[in-house]
Amino acid sequence: MAIKSHFKFSNSQRNGIFLLAVLIVVFQCIYAFVDFSSEDIQTDAKQLEVFRKQVDSLKLVAAAKNQPKVYPFNPNYITDFKGYTLGMSPVEIDRLLAFRAADQWVNSAKQFQEVTKVSDSLLAILQPLFKFPEWVTQPKAKTNWVDYSKNPDQKKYGSKTFAQKSDLNTATAQDLQKVNGIGEKLSDNIIKYRNKFKGGFISEIQLQDIYGLTPEVIERLTNDFAVKTPRPIEKLDLNSATKDQLVTIQHIDYEIAHYIIEQRTLREGFKSFDELLLVKKFPVQKFEIIKLYLKLN
């Protein structure tokens, strides 16, 4: 039995195949040699520039949204992590933490730089973010504090006499909370500060050292309370105290003690406590507290 060939075409089929081959060759030539590109598209340079600016502004908005927001903060509470994110070096952070560990407070951008030694360029970035308490940024007029142990009948901040007031060194948290503006947190801060010293407060002026107490709250507090049993202390003679003795006083470190002795030598002795205000880097805001520990012979 003969096998039928599959490659056997009739005349009409051969003509069709030939025509198809010719068409393929023709289209290939047209594709290769004919330019199908349209005329050059005219672009509007101004519109293109406007579009580019819009795209760039959208990119900036998107980038700003992805940036972590930094809100105003009190630099006294900078942690290791926060200091690192702000661009501070570990050494600069450690200086600030050591300063705070000594129960001292940074009260200005300038003092922040003096303590941490950050560069001017970094300070320029950080300074707008600093937020200090109102009692630092808007200090009230200086109050003339009175030692009521010597003037028991003299009045202060209201109608109560010294005898009518309660003792600040024995007041409980509940007693303190009766004063308008003092809640659990502030009363706890007052008692914790008082308990740092064996015997408690020396004077009401030390209330200024308690964080969170505004001058208005202190005024209301001292209308009802006074230091009636002050902690006994041995005052240092300003004109003979050594550097090691001076640093035992609140708010005086070795650097300030050095400048005090330097100024004392230049003046051949201090004639009044007010001359301390001329000492380099002296903490002027703490002048009244520092005076509690000094005498002048």
Protein backbone atom coordinates (compact mmCIF):
# COMPACT_ATOMS: atom_id res chain seq x y z
CA MET A 1 0.00 0.00 0.00
CA ALA A 2 1.46 3.37 -1.09
CA ILE A 3 1.93 6.15 1.48
CA LYS A 4 0.28 9.46 0.48
CA SER A 5 2.65 12.43 0.51
CA HIS A 6 1.60 15.44 2.66
CA PHE A 7 3.77 17.82 0.63
CA LYS A 8 1.96 17.44 -2.61
CA PHE A 9 0.06 20.66 -3.60
CA SER A 10 -2.29 21.53 -6.37
CA ASN A 11 -1.61 24.43 -8.78
CA SER A 12 -3.92 26.77 -6.92
CA GLN A 13 -2.24 25.93 -3.59
CA ARG A 14 1.23 26.56 -5.07
CA ASN A 15 0.07 29.92 -6.43
CA GLY A 16 -1.31 30.87 -3.02
CA ILE A 17 1.96 29.97 -1.28
CA PHE A 18 3.96 31.99 -3.79
CA LEU A 19 1.69 35.01 -3.33
CA LEU A 20 2.05 34.76 0.46
CA ALA A 21 5.85 34.64 0.18
CA VAL A 22 5.82 37.73 -2.06
CA LEU A 23 3.63 39.65 0.41
CA ILE A 24 5.94 38.75 3.31
CA VAL A 25 8.97 40.02 1.41
CA VAL A 26 7.16 43.24 0.43
CA PHE A 27 6.06 43.99 4.02
CA GLN A 28 9.55 43.29 5.36
CA CYS A 29 11.00 45.77 2.88
CA ILE A 30 8.41 48.40 3.78
CA TYR A 31 9.14 47.93 7.49
CA ALA A 32 12.89 48.17 6.90
CA PHE A 33 13.01 51.17 4.58
CA VAL A 34 9.93 53.28 5.27
CA ASP A 35 10.04 55.82 8.19
CA PHE A 36 6.81 55.53 10.14
CA SER A 37 7.77 58.15 12.75
CA SER A 38 5.49 61.15 12.97
CA GLU A 39 6.63 64.74 12.79
CA ASP A 40 8.59 66.13 15.78
CA ILE A 41 6.31 66.89 18.73
CA GLN A 42 6.56 70.51 19.78
CA THR A 43 6.93 70.92 23.58
CA ASP A 44 6.09 73.96 25.66
CA ALA A 45 9.18 74.62 27.80
CA LYS A 46 7.32 76.83 30.27
CA GLN A 47 4.58 74.27 30.89
CA LEU A 48 7.21 71.56 31.24
CA GLU A 49 9.08 73.62 33.85
CA VAL A 50 5.84 74.26 35.77
CA PHE A 51 5.12 70.53 35.75
CA ARG A 52 8.62 69.74 37.00
CA LYS A 53 8.24 72.22 39.87
CA GLN A 54 4.93 70.66 40.84
CA VAL A 55 6.53 67.22 40.89
CA ASP A 56 9.46 68.51 42.98
CA SER A 57 7.11 70.17 45.48
CA LEU A 58 5.11 66.95 45.81
CA LYS A 59 8.35 65.08 46.47
CA LEU A 60 9.30 67.58 49.20
CA VAL A 61 5.88 67.25 50.83
CA ALA A 62 6.17 63.46 50.78
CA ALA A 63 9.69 63.65 52.25
CA ALA A 64 8.52 66.03 55.00
CA LYS A 65 5.72 63.63 55.95
CA ASN A 66 8.24 60.81 56.28
CA GLN A 67 10.56 62.90 58.48
CA PRO A 68 10.19 62.18 62.21
CA LYS A 69 8.75 65.24 63.99
CA VAL A 70 10.75 66.80 66.83
CA TYR A 71 8.61 68.75 69.28
CA PRO A 72 9.90 71.41 71.71
CA PHE A 73 11.47 69.85 74.80
CA ASN A 74 13.24 70.73 78.03
CA PRO A 75 16.95 69.94 77.43
CA ASN A 76 17.35 68.94 81.09
CA TYR A 77 15.53 65.68 80.27
CA ILE A 78 17.57 64.59 77.24
CA THR A 79 18.23 60.85 77.38
CA ASP A 80 21.02 58.88 75.71
CA PHE A 81 18.74 57.89 72.83
CA LYS A 82 17.25 61.37 72.34
CA GLY A 83 20.67 62.99 72.46
CA TYR A 84 21.93 60.56 69.82
CA THR A 85 18.97 61.29 67.52
CA LEU A 86 19.61 65.03 67.96
CA GLY A 87 23.19 64.64 66.75
CA MET A 88 25.01 64.87 70.10
CA SER A 89 28.10 62.78 70.70
CA PRO A 90 28.24 60.30 73.62
CA VAL A 91 30.75 62.56 75.40
CA GLU A 92 28.42 65.58 75.11
CA ILE A 93 25.48 63.54 76.40
CA ASP A 94 27.53 62.25 79.34
CA ARG A 95 28.49 65.82 80.32
CA LEU A 96 24.82 66.81 80.47
CA LEU A 97 23.83 63.70 82.45
CA ALA A 98 26.67 64.27 84.94
CA PHE A 99 25.54 67.90 85.37
CA ARG A 100 21.97 66.77 86.06
CA ALA A 101 23.15 64.03 88.41
CA ALA A 102 24.62 66.80 90.58
CA ASP A 103 21.08 68.21 90.92
CA GLN A 104 21.87 71.17 88.69
CA TRP A 105 19.65 72.60 85.96
CA VAL A 106 20.34 74.04 82.54
CA ASN A 107 18.37 77.28 82.27
CA SER A 108 19.48 78.68 78.89
CA ALA A 109 20.85 77.63 75.52
CA LYS A 110 24.15 79.30 76.40
CA GLN A 111 24.44 77.30 79.62
CA PHE A 112 23.54 74.13 77.67
CA GLN A 113 26.54 74.76 75.40
CA GLU A 114 28.81 75.54 78.36
CA VAL A 115 27.86 72.25 80.02
CA THR A 116 27.85 69.95 76.97
CA LYS A 117 30.47 71.75 74.81
CA VAL A 118 28.36 71.21 71.67
CA SER A 119 29.43 73.10 68.55
CA ASP A 120 27.88 76.41 67.51
CA SER A 121 26.38 74.77 64.41
CA LEU A 122 24.62 72.05 66.44
CA LEU A 123 23.45 74.59 69.02
CA ALA A 124 21.90 76.67 66.21
CA ILE A 125 19.85 73.61 65.22
CA LEU A 126 18.84 72.63 68.77
CA GLN A 127 18.18 76.05 70.30
CA PRO A 128 14.80 76.64 68.54
CA LEU A 129 13.63 73.30 69.99
CA PHE A 130 14.45 74.16 73.61
CA LYS A 131 11.46 74.79 75.87
CA PHE A 132 12.27 75.97 79.39
CA PRO A 133 9.69 76.39 82.19
CA GLU A 134 7.95 79.77 82.44
CA TRP A 135 9.67 80.55 85.74
CA VAL A 136 12.96 80.46 83.79
CA THR A 137 11.87 82.26 80.61
CA GLN A 138 9.63 84.77 82.41
CA PRO A 139 11.14 85.25 85.87
CA LYS A 140 9.13 87.28 88.34
CA ALA A 141 10.48 90.17 90.32
CA LYS A 142 12.82 89.15 93.10
CA THR A 143 11.13 88.63 96.43
CA ASN A 144 12.69 89.90 99.61
CA TRP A 145 12.75 86.83 101.80
CA VAL A 146 12.59 87.26 105.55
CA ASP A 147 13.99 85.08 108.31
CA TYR A 148 10.91 84.64 110.50
CA SER A 149 12.87 83.10 113.32
CA LYS A 150 14.20 86.63 113.91
CA ASN A 151 10.98 88.44 112.95
CA PRO A 152 8.15 86.20 114.22
CA ASP A 153 5.47 88.92 114.04
CA GLN A 154 6.29 90.21 110.59
CA LYS A 155 3.82 89.31 107.80
CA LYS A 156 4.60 87.99 104.35
CA TYR A 157 2.45 87.09 101.34
CA GLY A 158 -0.82 87.56 103.16
CA SER A 159 -2.45 88.17 106.49
CA LYS A 160 -1.01 85.30 108.53
CA THR A 161 1.79 85.93 111.01
CA PHE A 162 4.70 83.57 111.53
CA ALA A 163 3.00 82.12 114.62
CA GLN A 164 -0.17 81.34 112.67
CA LYS A 165 1.61 79.39 109.95
CA SER A 166 2.31 75.65 109.90
CA ASP A 167 5.83 74.25 109.92
CA LEU A 168 7.01 73.40 106.41
CA ASN A 169 9.42 70.83 107.87
CA THR A 170 6.61 68.75 109.41
CA ALA A 171 3.86 69.27 106.84
CA THR A 172 2.38 66.13 105.28
CA ALA A 173 1.48 65.66 101.63
CA GLN A 174 -2.19 66.12 102.55
CA ASP A 175 -1.38 69.39 104.32
CA LEU A 176 0.48 70.71 101.28
CA GLN A 177 -2.27 69.69 98.86
CA LYS A 178 -4.66 72.10 100.57
CA VAL A 179 -2.77 74.93 98.87
CA ASN A 180 -4.26 75.90 95.53
CA GLY A 181 -1.97 74.70 92.73
CA ILE A 182 -0.34 71.84 94.65
CA GLY A 183 -1.42 68.32 93.79
CA GLU A 184 0.01 64.89 94.50
CA LYS A 185 3.01 65.34 92.19
CA LEU A 186 4.13 68.70 93.59
CA SER A 187 3.54 67.71 97.20
CA ASP A 188 5.61 64.58 96.57
CA ASN A 189 8.39 66.71 95.02
CA ILE A 190 8.41 69.02 98.06
CA ILE A 191 8.65 66.16 100.56
CA LYS A 192 11.30 64.32 98.52
CA TYR A 193 13.41 67.48 98.37
CA ARG A 194 12.94 68.08 102.11
CA ASN A 195 13.98 64.50 102.90
CA LYS A 196 17.23 64.88 100.95
CA PHE A 197 18.57 66.80 103.93
CA LYS A 198 18.61 65.50 107.45
CA GLY A 199 16.55 68.07 109.29
CA GLY A 200 14.70 69.37 106.21
CA PHE A 201 14.57 72.97 105.01
CA ILE A 202 16.74 75.82 106.24
CA SER A 203 14.54 78.51 104.73
CA GLU A 204 11.49 78.94 102.49
CA ILE A 205 13.82 80.26 99.79
CA GLN A 206 14.80 76.66 99.07
CA LEU A 207 11.36 76.11 97.57
CA GLN A 208 12.76 77.78 94.47
CA ASP A 209 14.90 74.69 93.94
CA ILE A 210 11.88 72.40 93.58
CA TYR A 211 11.01 71.77 89.96
CA GLY A 212 7.44 72.64 89.03
CA LEU A 213 6.83 75.20 91.76
CA THR A 214 6.03 78.53 90.13
CA PRO A 215 6.49 81.84 91.99
CA GLU A 216 2.68 82.12 92.29
CA VAL A 217 2.37 78.70 93.94
CA ILE A 218 5.33 79.45 96.24
CA GLU A 219 3.59 82.66 97.27
CA ARG A 220 0.40 80.81 98.21
CA LEU A 221 2.40 78.07 99.94
CA THR A 222 4.39 80.49 102.09
CA ASN A 223 1.19 82.24 103.11
CA ASP A 224 0.25 79.10 105.07
CA PHE A 225 3.65 77.53 105.79
CA ALA A 226 7.01 78.68 107.12
CA VAL A 227 10.22 76.95 108.19
CA LYS A 228 9.70 77.09 111.95
CA THR A 229 12.28 74.40 112.81
CA PRO A 230 15.14 75.11 110.37
CA ARG A 231 17.81 72.52 109.83
CA PRO A 232 20.87 73.49 111.88
CA ILE A 233 23.94 74.14 109.75
CA GLU A 234 27.45 75.38 110.36
CA LYS A 235 27.99 78.34 108.05
CA LEU A 236 31.28 78.68 106.20
CA ASP A 237 33.32 81.88 106.37
CA LEU A 238 33.37 83.18 102.80
CA ASN A 239 36.81 84.72 103.31
CA SER A 240 38.54 81.61 104.61
CA ALA A 241 36.63 78.61 103.21
CA THR A 242 38.69 76.21 101.10
CA LYS A 243 37.67 74.92 97.69
CA ASP A 244 36.68 71.52 99.16
CA GLN A 245 34.48 73.29 101.71
CA LEU A 246 32.82 75.55 99.15
CA VAL A 247 31.78 72.63 96.92
CA THR A 248 29.69 71.22 99.78
CA ILE A 249 27.32 74.15 99.23
CA GLN A 250 24.37 73.64 96.91
CA HIS A 251 24.93 74.94 93.36
CA ILE A 252 28.69 75.43 93.78
CA ASP A 253 30.97 73.08 91.88
CA TYR A 254 34.78 73.03 91.72
CA GLU A 255 34.91 75.45 88.81
CA ILE A 256 32.79 78.06 90.57
CA ALA A 257 34.67 77.49 93.84
CA HIS A 258 37.91 78.16 91.94
CA TYR A 259 36.56 81.45 90.58
CA ILE A 260 35.28 82.46 94.05
CA ILE A 261 38.72 81.98 95.58
CA GLU A 262 40.34 83.72 92.62
CA GLN A 263 38.03 86.73 93.06
CA ARG A 264 38.57 86.68 96.83
CA THR A 265 42.33 86.82 96.32
CA LEU A 266 42.09 89.70 93.87
CA ARG A 267 39.87 91.68 96.25
CA GLU A 268 41.93 90.75 99.31
CA GLY A 269 38.75 89.37 100.81
CA PHE A 270 35.05 89.94 100.17
CA LYS A 271 33.49 92.97 101.82
CA SER A 272 29.87 91.88 101.16
CA PHE A 273 27.96 88.90 99.79
CA ASP A 274 26.87 90.99 96.80
CA GLU A 275 30.42 90.83 95.47
CA LEU A 276 29.78 87.16 94.74
CA LEU A 277 27.55 88.27 91.87
CA LEU A 278 30.70 89.47 90.08
CA VAL A 279 32.32 86.02 90.23
CA LYS A 280 32.67 84.35 86.83
CA LYS A 281 29.91 81.78 86.09
CA PHE A 282 28.33 82.36 89.49
CA PRO A 283 24.72 81.02 89.51
CA VAL A 284 23.03 84.35 90.13
CA GLN A 285 19.54 82.81 90.33
CA LYS A 286 20.71 80.69 93.29
CA PHE A 287 22.36 83.59 95.15
CA GLU A 288 19.86 83.66 98.06
CA ILE A 289 20.14 79.88 98.57
CA ILE A 290 23.95 79.93 98.51
CA LYS A 291 23.98 82.75 101.10
CA LEU A 292 22.24 80.41 103.57
CA TYR A 293 25.46 78.45 103.96
CA LEU A 294 27.84 81.39 104.30
CA LYS A 295 28.92 83.97 106.81
CA LEU A 296 31.23 86.95 106.45
CA ASN A 297 33.70 87.73 109.19
